[in-house]
Amino acid sequence: MEYQLPRLTKMWTHLERQAGGRVKGMGEKQIEVDKRILRTQIGVLKKELESVRKHRKQYRNRRLSVPVPVVSLVGYTNAGKSTLLNRLTGADVLAEDRLFATLDPTTRRVAVNNGKEFLLTDTVGFIQKLPTMLVAAFRATLEEISESSLLVHVVDISHPLAQQQIDAVDKVLEELDVASIPKLVVWNKVDKTDDPRRVKLEAERKGVVCVSAIDGYGLEQFCDAVQAKLRDSMVLVEAFIPYDKSELLNTIHQSGIVEGTEYRENGTLIRAVVPLPLARFLAPMRQQVAAAL
């Protein structure tokens, strides 16, 4: 609608002003009526987008109460992010060969063979020269990225313009100011390339993970790489967990690496390496360590 607004100028030049009934003079031009209608509709949509933003923020705040690492899938549109999410989690997210098939972020839990877990979020696909107004419209989806422990940049390596798409995604991520979040690059659709063996060798040299989301190739290696990246961004904490909050111990064991535990009269002293969101959540309990000792 914002695109249409300044382009209405020549659409109604063949019409005269509307007659004003019994009022002397001529009425509004049709173009003025249409512009007013468009501005009203734009205002309504902006209010709805703000409502969506608030809803997503409340959803993220609730999710922080179970502080499992969040991994966001980012990438150019049609790179295979939704297919990868479906393959890893058994979800039923719409995956189509068209622009912006995913508009609402979808989050699913992924359980790894070693018992660890992380949350995987699918986000809207990017395009080159993403207009500012479009970035604003997708803000509710893109804000999921800023809360992530890790970004997984999914690339359609079989596309002839793969490098240009990579550059376009990197530019949008730069605009979103998420450069400080660790990133893992994944080359998808390896099976569709002219020489899969050469692509895999090049990926190994660059430290990139190769997968084929459609047939499941490389998914185990992908999960291992995610776990390794998450470990790199973890922090060491010492916390005192009261017995009435013992469910947190299970969360720490699932998402972190426990180095030691000590059972006291009122709770458990635990020393562990955990993801940053969990470390923030445990902050009040870390302050209780001195008292427990």
C-alpha atoms as a PDB file:
ATOM      1  CA  MET A   1       0.000   0.000   0.000  1.00  0.00           C
ATOM      2  CA  GLU A   2       2.886   2.381   0.749  1.00  0.00           C
ATOM      3  CA  TYR A   3       4.229   1.438  -2.681  1.00  0.00           C
ATOM      4  CA  GLN A   4       0.871   2.241  -4.316  1.00  0.00           C
ATOM      5  CA  LEU A   5       0.255   5.554  -2.532  1.00  0.00           C
ATOM      6  CA  PRO A   6       2.573   7.824  -4.578  1.00  0.00           C
ATOM      7  CA  ARG A   7       1.699   5.957  -7.794  1.00  0.00           C
ATOM      8  CA  LEU A   8      -2.007   6.838  -7.830  1.00  0.00           C
ATOM      9  CA  THR A   9      -1.353  10.199  -9.525  1.00  0.00           C
ATOM     10  CA  LYS A  10      -2.228   9.272 -13.110  1.00  0.00           C
ATOM     11  CA  MET A  11      -4.821   6.586 -12.430  1.00  0.00           C
ATOM     12  CA  TRP A  12      -7.869   8.905 -12.271  1.00  0.00           C
ATOM     13  CA  THR A  13      -7.013  11.834 -14.565  1.00  0.00           C
ATOM     14  CA  HIS A  14      -9.830  10.826 -16.929  1.00  0.00           C
ATOM     15  CA  LEU A  15     -12.456  11.480 -14.244  1.00  0.00           C
ATOM     16  CA  GLU A  16     -13.886  14.843 -13.171  1.00  0.00           C
ATOM     17  CA  ARG A  17     -14.334  15.824  -9.547  1.00  0.00           C
ATOM     18  CA  GLN A  18     -17.270  14.217  -7.790  1.00  0.00           C
ATOM     19  CA  ALA A  19     -20.354  16.384  -7.731  1.00  0.00           C
ATOM     20  CA  GLY A  20     -21.101  17.779  -4.317  1.00  0.00           C
ATOM     21  CA  GLY A  21     -24.860  17.221  -4.397  1.00  0.00           C
ATOM     22  CA  ARG A  22     -26.714  20.359  -3.375  1.00  0.00           C
ATOM     23  CA  VAL A  23     -23.502  21.923  -2.063  1.00  0.00           C
ATOM     24  CA  LYS A  24     -22.075  24.529  -4.415  1.00  0.00           C
ATOM     25  CA  GLY A  25     -18.763  23.700  -6.071  1.00  0.00           C
ATOM     26  CA  MET A  26     -17.143  20.396  -6.952  1.00  0.00           C
ATOM     27  CA  GLY A  27     -16.345  17.561  -4.568  1.00  0.00           C
ATOM     28  CA  GLU A  28     -13.153  15.585  -3.919  1.00  0.00           C
ATOM     29  CA  LYS A  29     -11.153  14.139  -6.752  1.00  0.00           C
ATOM     30  CA  GLN A  30     -11.294  10.333  -6.931  1.00  0.00           C
ATOM     31  CA  ILE A  31      -7.528  10.214  -6.353  1.00  0.00           C
ATOM     32  CA  GLU A  32      -7.966  12.084  -3.057  1.00  0.00           C
ATOM     33  CA  VAL A  33     -10.636   9.602  -1.973  1.00  0.00           C
ATOM     34  CA  ASP A  34      -8.354   6.654  -2.825  1.00  0.00           C
ATOM     35  CA  LYS A  35      -5.384   8.182  -1.027  1.00  0.00           C
ATOM     36  CA  ARG A  36      -7.486   8.707   2.082  1.00  0.00           C
ATOM     37  CA  ILE A  37      -8.681   5.079   1.951  1.00  0.00           C
ATOM     38  CA  LEU A  38      -5.102   3.822   1.506  1.00  0.00           C
ATOM     39  CA  ARG A  39      -3.780   5.946   4.390  1.00  0.00           C
ATOM     40  CA  THR A  40      -6.548   4.622   6.648  1.00  0.00           C
ATOM     41  CA  GLN A  41      -5.757   1.014   5.698  1.00  0.00           C
ATOM     42  CA  ILE A  42      -2.007   1.601   6.219  1.00  0.00           C
ATOM     43  CA  GLY A  43      -2.742   3.002   9.684  1.00  0.00           C
ATOM     44  CA  VAL A  44      -4.826  -0.063  10.593  1.00  0.00           C
ATOM     45  CA  LEU A  45      -2.116  -2.440   9.362  1.00  0.00           C
ATOM     46  CA  LYS A  46       0.612  -0.621  11.289  1.00  0.00           C
ATOM     47  CA  LYS A  47      -1.454  -0.990  14.478  1.00  0.00           C
ATOM     48  CA  GLU A  48      -1.842  -4.712  13.766  1.00  0.00           C
ATOM     49  CA  LEU A  49       1.934  -5.060  13.203  1.00  0.00           C
ATOM     50  CA  GLU A  50       2.610  -3.341  16.519  1.00  0.00           C
ATOM     51  CA  SER A  51       0.186  -5.751  18.188  1.00  0.00           C
ATOM     52  CA  VAL A  52       2.055  -8.685  16.622  1.00  0.00           C
ATOM     53  CA  ARG A  53       5.377  -7.266  17.865  1.00  0.00           C
ATOM     54  CA  LYS A  54       4.045  -7.057  21.438  1.00  0.00           C
ATOM     55  CA  HIS A  55       2.636 -10.590  21.215  1.00  0.00           C
ATOM     56  CA  ARG A  56       5.961 -11.978  19.958  1.00  0.00           C
ATOM     57  CA  LYS A  57       7.825 -10.148  22.728  1.00  0.00           C
ATOM     58  CA  GLN A  58       5.554 -11.656  25.383  1.00  0.00           C
ATOM     59  CA  TYR A  59       6.075 -15.072  23.787  1.00  0.00           C
ATOM     60  CA  ARG A  60       9.870 -14.650  23.927  1.00  0.00           C
ATOM     61  CA  ASN A  61       9.704 -13.542  27.571  1.00  0.00           C
ATOM     62  CA  ARG A  62       7.735 -16.677  28.469  1.00  0.00           C
ATOM     63  CA  ARG A  63      10.254 -18.790  26.585  1.00  0.00           C
ATOM     64  CA  LEU A  64      13.067 -17.320  28.701  1.00  0.00           C
ATOM     65  CA  SER A  65      11.524 -19.057  31.715  1.00  0.00           C
ATOM     66  CA  VAL A  66      12.825 -22.288  30.153  1.00  0.00           C
ATOM     67  CA  PRO A  67      16.200 -20.907  29.012  1.00  0.00           C
ATOM     68  CA  VAL A  68      17.218 -23.480  26.387  1.00  0.00           C
ATOM     69  CA  PRO A  69      19.577 -22.121  23.665  1.00  0.00           C
ATOM     70  CA  VAL A  70      17.751 -20.586  20.694  1.00  0.00           C
ATOM     71  CA  VAL A  71      19.155 -21.225  17.208  1.00  0.00           C
ATOM     72  CA  SER A  72      17.709 -19.086  14.380  1.00  0.00           C
ATOM     73  CA  LEU A  73      17.722 -20.148  10.739  1.00  0.00           C
ATOM     74  CA  VAL A  74      18.452 -17.165   8.493  1.00  0.00           C
ATOM     75  CA  GLY A  75      19.120 -17.000   4.782  1.00  0.00           C
ATOM     76  CA  TYR A  76      17.948 -15.922   1.371  1.00  0.00           C
ATOM     77  CA  THR A  77      14.359 -16.708   0.449  1.00  0.00           C
ATOM     78  CA  ASN A  78      13.895 -20.292  -0.824  1.00  0.00           C
ATOM     79  CA  ALA A  79      17.232 -21.462   0.612  1.00  0.00           C
ATOM     80  CA  GLY A  80      15.506 -24.407   2.338  1.00  0.00           C
ATOM     81  CA  LYS A  81      15.196 -23.148   5.930  1.00  0.00           C
ATOM     82  CA  SER A  82      11.651 -24.444   6.476  1.00  0.00           C
ATOM     83  CA  THR A  83      12.512 -27.812   4.928  1.00  0.00           C
ATOM     84  CA  LEU A  84      15.515 -28.097   7.267  1.00  0.00           C
ATOM     85  CA  LEU A  85      13.327 -27.267  10.287  1.00  0.00           C
ATOM     86  CA  ASN A  86      10.738 -29.848   9.208  1.00  0.00           C
ATOM     87  CA  ARG A  87      13.404 -32.509   8.694  1.00  0.00           C
ATOM     88  CA  LEU A  88      15.045 -31.953  12.089  1.00  0.00           C
ATOM     89  CA  THR A  89      11.917 -31.581  14.199  1.00  0.00           C
ATOM     90  CA  GLY A  90       9.122 -33.343  12.339  1.00  0.00           C
ATOM     91  CA  ALA A  91       7.254 -30.039  12.162  1.00  0.00           C
ATOM     92  CA  ASP A  92       4.759 -29.258   9.431  1.00  0.00           C
ATOM     93  CA  VAL A  93       5.890 -25.763   8.458  1.00  0.00           C
ATOM     94  CA  LEU A  94       4.862 -24.556   4.989  1.00  0.00           C
ATOM     95  CA  ALA A  95       7.818 -25.011   2.614  1.00  0.00           C
ATOM     96  CA  GLU A  96       7.227 -23.762  -0.929  1.00  0.00           C
ATOM     97  CA  ASP A  97       9.293 -22.572  -3.873  1.00  0.00           C
ATOM     98  CA  ARG A  98       8.148 -18.933  -3.653  1.00  0.00           C
ATOM     99  CA  LEU A  99       9.056 -15.622  -2.021  1.00  0.00           C
ATOM    100  CA  PHE A 100       8.298 -15.214   1.685  1.00  0.00           C
ATOM    101  CA  ALA A 101       6.585 -18.597   2.154  1.00  0.00           C
ATOM    102  CA  THR A 102       7.493 -18.188   5.845  1.00  0.00           C
ATOM    103  CA  LEU A 103       6.210 -14.970   7.417  1.00  0.00           C
ATOM    104  CA  ASP A 104       5.523 -15.940  11.032  1.00  0.00           C
ATOM    105  CA  PRO A 105       8.504 -17.318  12.979  1.00  0.00           C
ATOM    106  CA  THR A 106       8.111 -20.963  13.980  1.00  0.00           C
ATOM    107  CA  THR A 107      10.077 -22.440  16.891  1.00  0.00           C
ATOM    108  CA  ARG A 108      10.517 -26.154  17.592  1.00  0.00           C
ATOM    109  CA  ARG A 109      12.609 -28.124  20.092  1.00  0.00           C
ATOM    110  CA  VAL A 110      15.461 -30.269  18.741  1.00  0.00           C
ATOM    111  CA  ALA A 111      16.777 -33.152  20.861  1.00  0.00           C
ATOM    112  CA  VAL A 112      20.331 -34.269  20.034  1.00  0.00           C
ATOM    113  CA  ASN A 113      21.652 -37.828  20.491  1.00  0.00           C
ATOM    114  CA  ASN A 114      23.739 -36.842  23.548  1.00  0.00           C
ATOM    115  CA  GLY A 115      20.605 -35.719  25.409  1.00  0.00           C
ATOM    116  CA  LYS A 116      21.169 -31.990  24.851  1.00  0.00           C
ATOM    117  CA  GLU A 117      18.437 -29.761  23.470  1.00  0.00           C
ATOM    118  CA  PHE A 118      18.075 -26.465  21.640  1.00  0.00           C
ATOM    119  CA  LEU A 119      15.219 -24.470  20.135  1.00  0.00           C
ATOM    120  CA  LEU A 120      15.271 -24.020  16.350  1.00  0.00           C
ATOM    121  CA  THR A 121      13.494 -20.976  14.878  1.00  0.00           C
ATOM    122  CA  ASP A 122      12.593 -20.517  11.218  1.00  0.00           C
ATOM    123  CA  THR A 123      12.588 -16.881  10.026  1.00  0.00           C
ATOM    124  CA  VAL A 124      11.482 -15.005   6.911  1.00  0.00           C
ATOM    125  CA  GLY A 125      13.743 -15.339   3.874  1.00  0.00           C
ATOM    126  CA  PHE A 126      15.731 -12.287   2.782  1.00  0.00           C
ATOM    127  CA  ILE A 127      16.016 -10.764  -0.686  1.00  0.00           C
ATOM    128  CA  GLN A 128      18.500  -8.413  -2.299  1.00  0.00           C
ATOM    129  CA  LYS A 129      17.909  -4.701  -1.673  1.00  0.00           C
ATOM    130  CA  LEU A 130      15.219  -5.417   0.927  1.00  0.00           C
ATOM    131  CA  PRO A 131      13.253  -2.120   1.113  1.00  0.00           C
ATOM    132  CA  THR A 132      13.268  -0.323   4.458  1.00  0.00           C
ATOM    133  CA  MET A 133       9.457  -0.424   4.692  1.00  0.00           C
ATOM    134  CA  LEU A 134       9.543  -4.198   4.131  1.00  0.00           C
ATOM    135  CA  VAL A 135      12.117  -4.681   6.901  1.00  0.00           C
ATOM    136  CA  ALA A 136       9.743  -2.732   9.174  1.00  0.00           C
ATOM    137  CA  ALA A 137       6.822  -4.957   8.157  1.00  0.00           C
ATOM    138  CA  PHE A 138       8.838  -8.087   8.970  1.00  0.00           C
ATOM    139  CA  ARG A 139      10.114  -6.640  12.255  1.00  0.00           C
ATOM    140  CA  ALA A 140       8.070  -9.088  14.348  1.00  0.00           C
ATOM    141  CA  THR A 141       9.762 -11.976  12.565  1.00  0.00           C
ATOM    142  CA  LEU A 142      13.247 -10.493  12.383  1.00  0.00           C
ATOM    143  CA  GLU A 143      13.276  -9.571  16.076  1.00  0.00           C
ATOM    144  CA  GLU A 144      13.475 -13.305  16.838  1.00  0.00           C
ATOM    145  CA  ILE A 145      17.030 -13.177  15.474  1.00  0.00           C
ATOM    146  CA  SER A 146      18.240 -10.710  18.119  1.00  0.00           C
ATOM    147  CA  GLU A 147      17.269 -13.129  20.932  1.00  0.00           C
ATOM    148  CA  SER A 148      19.260 -16.030  19.473  1.00  0.00           C
ATOM    149  CA  SER A 149      22.273 -17.808  20.937  1.00  0.00           C
ATOM    150  CA  LEU A 150      23.367 -18.801  17.415  1.00  0.00           C
ATOM    151  CA  LEU A 151      22.511 -17.837  13.826  1.00  0.00           C
ATOM    152  CA  VAL A 152      22.530 -20.572  11.193  1.00  0.00           C
ATOM    153  CA  HIS A 153      22.982 -19.012   7.745  1.00  0.00           C
ATOM    154  CA  VAL A 154      21.387 -21.470   5.298  1.00  0.00           C
ATOM    155  CA  VAL A 155      22.698 -21.070   1.739  1.00  0.00           C
ATOM    156  CA  ASP A 156      21.281 -22.624  -1.436  1.00  0.00           C
ATOM    157  CA  ILE A 157      24.703 -23.594  -2.771  1.00  0.00           C
ATOM    158  CA  SER A 158      23.180 -24.956  -6.000  1.00  0.00           C
ATOM    159  CA  HIS A 159      21.935 -21.484  -7.011  1.00  0.00           C
ATOM    160  CA  PRO A 160      24.055 -19.762  -9.700  1.00  0.00           C
ATOM    161  CA  LEU A 161      23.951 -16.495  -7.702  1.00  0.00           C
ATOM    162  CA  ALA A 162      24.713 -18.094  -4.329  1.00  0.00           C
ATOM    163  CA  GLN A 163      27.487 -15.621  -3.441  1.00  0.00           C
ATOM    164  CA  GLN A 164      25.285 -12.601  -4.197  1.00  0.00           C
ATOM    165  CA  GLN A 165      22.573 -14.095  -1.978  1.00  0.00           C
ATOM    166  CA  ILE A 166      25.119 -14.617   0.828  1.00  0.00           C
ATOM    167  CA  ASP A 167      26.179 -10.965   0.531  1.00  0.00           C
ATOM    168  CA  ALA A 168      22.537  -9.815   0.605  1.00  0.00           C
ATOM    169  CA  VAL A 169      21.826 -11.775   3.806  1.00  0.00           C
ATOM    170  CA  ASP A 170      25.016 -10.509   5.477  1.00  0.00           C
ATOM    171  CA  LYS A 171      23.974  -6.939   4.650  1.00  0.00           C
ATOM    172  CA  VAL A 172      20.522  -7.356   6.223  1.00  0.00           C
ATOM    173  CA  LEU A 173      22.061  -8.970   9.339  1.00  0.00           C
ATOM    174  CA  GLU A 174      24.412  -6.001   9.573  1.00  0.00           C
ATOM    175  CA  GLU A 175      21.436  -3.623   9.425  1.00  0.00           C
ATOM    176  CA  LEU A 176      19.762  -5.600  12.230  1.00  0.00           C
ATOM    177  CA  ASP A 177      22.885  -5.108  14.391  1.00  0.00           C
ATOM    178  CA  VAL A 178      23.334  -8.790  15.285  1.00  0.00           C
ATOM    179  CA  ALA A 179      27.020  -9.070  14.357  1.00  0.00           C
ATOM    180  CA  SER A 180      27.911 -10.085  17.918  1.00  0.00           C
ATOM    181  CA  ILE A 181      25.830 -13.291  17.732  1.00  0.00           C
ATOM    182  CA  PRO A 182      27.880 -16.381  16.687  1.00  0.00           C
ATOM    183  CA  LYS A 183      27.114 -17.665  13.190  1.00  0.00           C
ATOM    184  CA  LEU A 184      27.293 -21.077  11.508  1.00  0.00           C
ATOM    185  CA  VAL A 185      27.193 -21.276   7.700  1.00  0.00           C
ATOM    186  CA  VAL A 186      25.348 -24.254   6.178  1.00  0.00           C
ATOM    187  CA  TRP A 187      25.381 -25.098   2.477  1.00  0.00           C
ATOM    188  CA  ASN A 188      22.054 -26.702   1.579  1.00  0.00           C
ATOM    189  CA  LYS A 189      20.933 -28.511  -1.616  1.00  0.00           C
ATOM    190  CA  VAL A 190      24.408 -30.012  -2.127  1.00  0.00           C
ATOM    191  CA  ASP A 191      22.799 -32.883  -4.044  1.00  0.00           C
ATOM    192  CA  LYS A 192      21.614 -30.408  -6.725  1.00  0.00           C
ATOM    193  CA  THR A 193      25.088 -29.050  -7.536  1.00  0.00           C
ATOM    194  CA  ASP A 194      27.016 -30.099 -10.657  1.00  0.00           C
ATOM    195  CA  ASP A 195      29.853 -31.631  -8.621  1.00  0.00           C
ATOM    196  CA  PRO A 196      28.755 -32.483  -5.033  1.00  0.00           C
ATOM    197  CA  ARG A 197      32.153 -33.997  -4.181  1.00  0.00           C
ATOM    198  CA  ARG A 198      34.025 -30.796  -5.086  1.00  0.00           C
ATOM    199  CA  VAL A 199      31.497 -28.681  -3.128  1.00  0.00           C
ATOM    200  CA  LYS A 200      31.925 -30.865  -0.025  1.00  0.00           C
ATOM    201  CA  LEU A 201      35.719 -30.588  -0.199  1.00  0.00           C
ATOM    202  CA  GLU A 202      35.491 -26.803  -0.531  1.00  0.00           C
ATOM    203  CA  ALA A 203      33.046 -26.671   2.411  1.00  0.00           C
ATOM    204  CA  GLU A 204      35.419 -28.727   4.563  1.00  0.00           C
ATOM    205  CA  ARG A 205      38.251 -26.335   3.740  1.00  0.00           C
ATOM    206  CA  LYS A 206      36.110 -23.312   4.708  1.00  0.00           C
ATOM    207  CA  GLY A 207      34.657 -24.876   7.857  1.00  0.00           C
ATOM    208  CA  VAL A 208      31.151 -24.933   6.383  1.00  0.00           C
ATOM    209  CA  VAL A 209      28.587 -27.698   7.002  1.00  0.00           C
ATOM    210  CA  CYS A 210      27.037 -29.384   3.944  1.00  0.00           C
ATOM    211  CA  VAL A 211      23.488 -30.727   4.151  1.00  0.00           C
ATOM    212  CA  SER A 212      20.601 -31.773   1.958  1.00  0.00           C
ATOM    213  CA  ALA A 213      17.448 -30.965   3.930  1.00  0.00           C
ATOM    214  CA  ILE A 214      15.235 -32.787   1.447  1.00  0.00           C
ATOM    215  CA  ASP A 215      16.875 -36.220   1.912  1.00  0.00           C
ATOM    216  CA  GLY A 216      18.484 -35.776   5.351  1.00  0.00           C
ATOM    217  CA  TYR A 217      22.148 -35.831   4.310  1.00  0.00           C
ATOM    218  CA  GLY A 218      24.520 -34.189   6.824  1.00  0.00           C
ATOM    219  CA  LEU A 219      21.932 -33.500   9.540  1.00  0.00           C
ATOM    220  CA  GLU A 220      23.910 -35.322  12.233  1.00  0.00           C
ATOM    221  CA  GLN A 221      27.010 -33.304  11.350  1.00  0.00           C
ATOM    222  CA  PHE A 222      24.849 -30.163  11.422  1.00  0.00           C
ATOM    223  CA  CYS A 223      23.624 -30.907  14.978  1.00  0.00           C
ATOM    224  CA  ASP A 224      27.217 -31.588  16.103  1.00  0.00           C
ATOM    225  CA  ALA A 225      28.355 -28.277  14.600  1.00  0.00           C
ATOM    226  CA  VAL A 226      25.498 -26.415  16.338  1.00  0.00           C
ATOM    227  CA  GLN A 227      26.449 -27.995  19.673  1.00  0.00           C
ATOM    228  CA  ALA A 228      30.117 -27.048  19.151  1.00  0.00           C
ATOM    229  CA  LYS A 229      29.196 -23.429  18.344  1.00  0.00           C
ATOM    230  CA  LEU A 230      26.882 -23.223  21.343  1.00  0.00           C
ATOM    231  CA  ARG A 231      29.662 -24.521  23.602  1.00  0.00           C
ATOM    232  CA  ASP A 232      31.970 -21.777  22.332  1.00  0.00           C
ATOM    233  CA  SER A 233      29.443 -19.130  23.411  1.00  0.00           C
ATOM    234  CA  MET A 234      28.770 -20.650  26.839  1.00  0.00           C
ATOM    235  CA  VAL A 235      29.848 -19.116  30.149  1.00  0.00           C
ATOM    236  CA  LEU A 236      30.963 -20.668  33.434  1.00  0.00           C
ATOM    237  CA  VAL A 237      28.534 -20.149  36.329  1.00  0.00           C
ATOM    238  CA  GLU A 238      28.232 -21.201  39.942  1.00  0.00           C
ATOM    239  CA  ALA A 239      24.687 -21.161  41.275  1.00  0.00           C
ATOM    240  CA  PHE A 240      22.732 -22.281  44.315  1.00  0.00           C
ATOM    241  CA  ILE A 241      19.509 -24.031  43.267  1.00  0.00           C
ATOM    242  CA  PRO A 242      16.899 -24.396  46.044  1.00  0.00           C
ATOM    243  CA  TYR A 243      15.207 -27.787  46.200  1.00  0.00           C
ATOM    244  CA  ASP A 244      11.839 -26.238  45.314  1.00  0.00           C
ATOM    245  CA  LYS A 245      13.347 -25.215  41.934  1.00  0.00           C
ATOM    246  CA  SER A 246      15.042 -28.532  41.216  1.00  0.00           C
ATOM    247  CA  GLU A 247      13.595 -28.594  37.668  1.00  0.00           C
ATOM    248  CA  LEU A 248      16.326 -26.064  36.820  1.00  0.00           C
ATOM    249  CA  LEU A 249      18.943 -28.744  37.456  1.00  0.00           C
ATOM    250  CA  ASN A 250      17.426 -30.798  34.646  1.00  0.00           C
ATOM    251  CA  THR A 251      17.536 -27.742  32.345  1.00  0.00           C
ATOM    252  CA  ILE A 252      21.206 -27.140  33.201  1.00  0.00           C
ATOM    253  CA  HIS A 253      22.067 -30.783  32.488  1.00  0.00           C
ATOM    254  CA  GLN A 254      20.172 -30.702  29.167  1.00  0.00           C
ATOM    255  CA  SER A 255      21.563 -27.439  27.793  1.00  0.00           C
ATOM    256  CA  GLY A 256      24.934 -27.101  29.564  1.00  0.00           C
ATOM    257  CA  ILE A 257      27.987 -29.005  30.788  1.00  0.00           C
ATOM    258  CA  VAL A 258      27.976 -29.730  34.520  1.00  0.00           C
ATOM    259  CA  GLU A 259      31.433 -29.689  36.116  1.00  0.00           C
ATOM    260  CA  GLY A 260      30.400 -30.332  39.711  1.00  0.00           C
ATOM    261  CA  THR A 261      27.500 -30.505  42.140  1.00  0.00           C
ATOM    262  CA  GLU A 262      27.324 -30.300  45.917  1.00  0.00           C
ATOM    263  CA  TYR A 263      24.161 -31.043  47.878  1.00  0.00           C
ATOM    264  CA  ARG A 264      23.438 -28.784  50.858  1.00  0.00           C
ATOM    265  CA  GLU A 265      20.647 -28.638  53.410  1.00  0.00           C
ATOM    266  CA  ASN A 266      18.504 -26.140  51.462  1.00  0.00           C
ATOM    267  CA  GLY A 267      19.544 -26.834  47.908  1.00  0.00           C
ATOM    268  CA  THR A 268      22.246 -27.755  45.418  1.00  0.00           C
ATOM    269  CA  LEU A 269      25.457 -25.897  44.615  1.00  0.00           C
ATOM    270  CA  ILE A 270      26.238 -26.430  40.956  1.00  0.00           C
ATOM    271  CA  ARG A 271      29.161 -25.399  38.770  1.00  0.00           C
ATOM    272  CA  ALA A 272      28.462 -25.599  35.039  1.00  0.00           C
ATOM    273  CA  VAL A 273      29.140 -24.120  31.633  1.00  0.00           C
ATOM    274  CA  VAL A 274      25.782 -22.909  30.273  1.00  0.00           C
ATOM    275  CA  PRO A 275      24.390 -20.845  27.369  1.00  0.00           C
ATOM    276  CA  LEU A 276      24.267 -17.096  27.927  1.00  0.00           C
ATOM    277  CA  PRO A 277      20.422 -16.907  28.199  1.00  0.00           C
ATOM    278  CA  LEU A 278      20.493 -19.526  30.947  1.00  0.00           C
ATOM    279  CA  ALA A 279      23.374 -17.728  32.704  1.00  0.00           C
ATOM    280  CA  ARG A 280      21.281 -14.538  32.768  1.00  0.00           C
ATOM    281  CA  PHE A 281      18.301 -16.460  34.105  1.00  0.00           C
ATOM    282  CA  LEU A 282      20.447 -17.957  36.878  1.00  0.00           C
ATOM    283  CA  ALA A 283      21.894 -14.572  37.896  1.00  0.00           C
ATOM    284  CA  PRO A 284      19.806 -14.226  41.120  1.00  0.00           C
ATOM    285  CA  MET A 285      20.832 -17.738  42.169  1.00  0.00           C
ATOM    286  CA  ARG A 286      24.487 -17.023  41.463  1.00  0.00           C
ATOM    287  CA  GLN A 287      24.318 -14.257  44.073  1.00  0.00           C
ATOM    288  CA  GLN A 288      23.193 -16.827  46.652  1.00  0.00           C
ATOM    289  CA  VAL A 289      26.371 -18.915  46.335  1.00  0.00           C
ATOM    290  CA  ALA A 290      28.325 -16.923  48.965  1.00  0.00           C
ATOM    291  CA  ALA A 291      25.475 -17.246  51.442  1.00  0.00           C
ATOM    292  CA  ALA A 292      25.275 -21.002  50.848  1.00  0.00           C
ATOM    293  CA  LEU A 293      29.001 -21.386  51.489  1.00  0.00           C
END
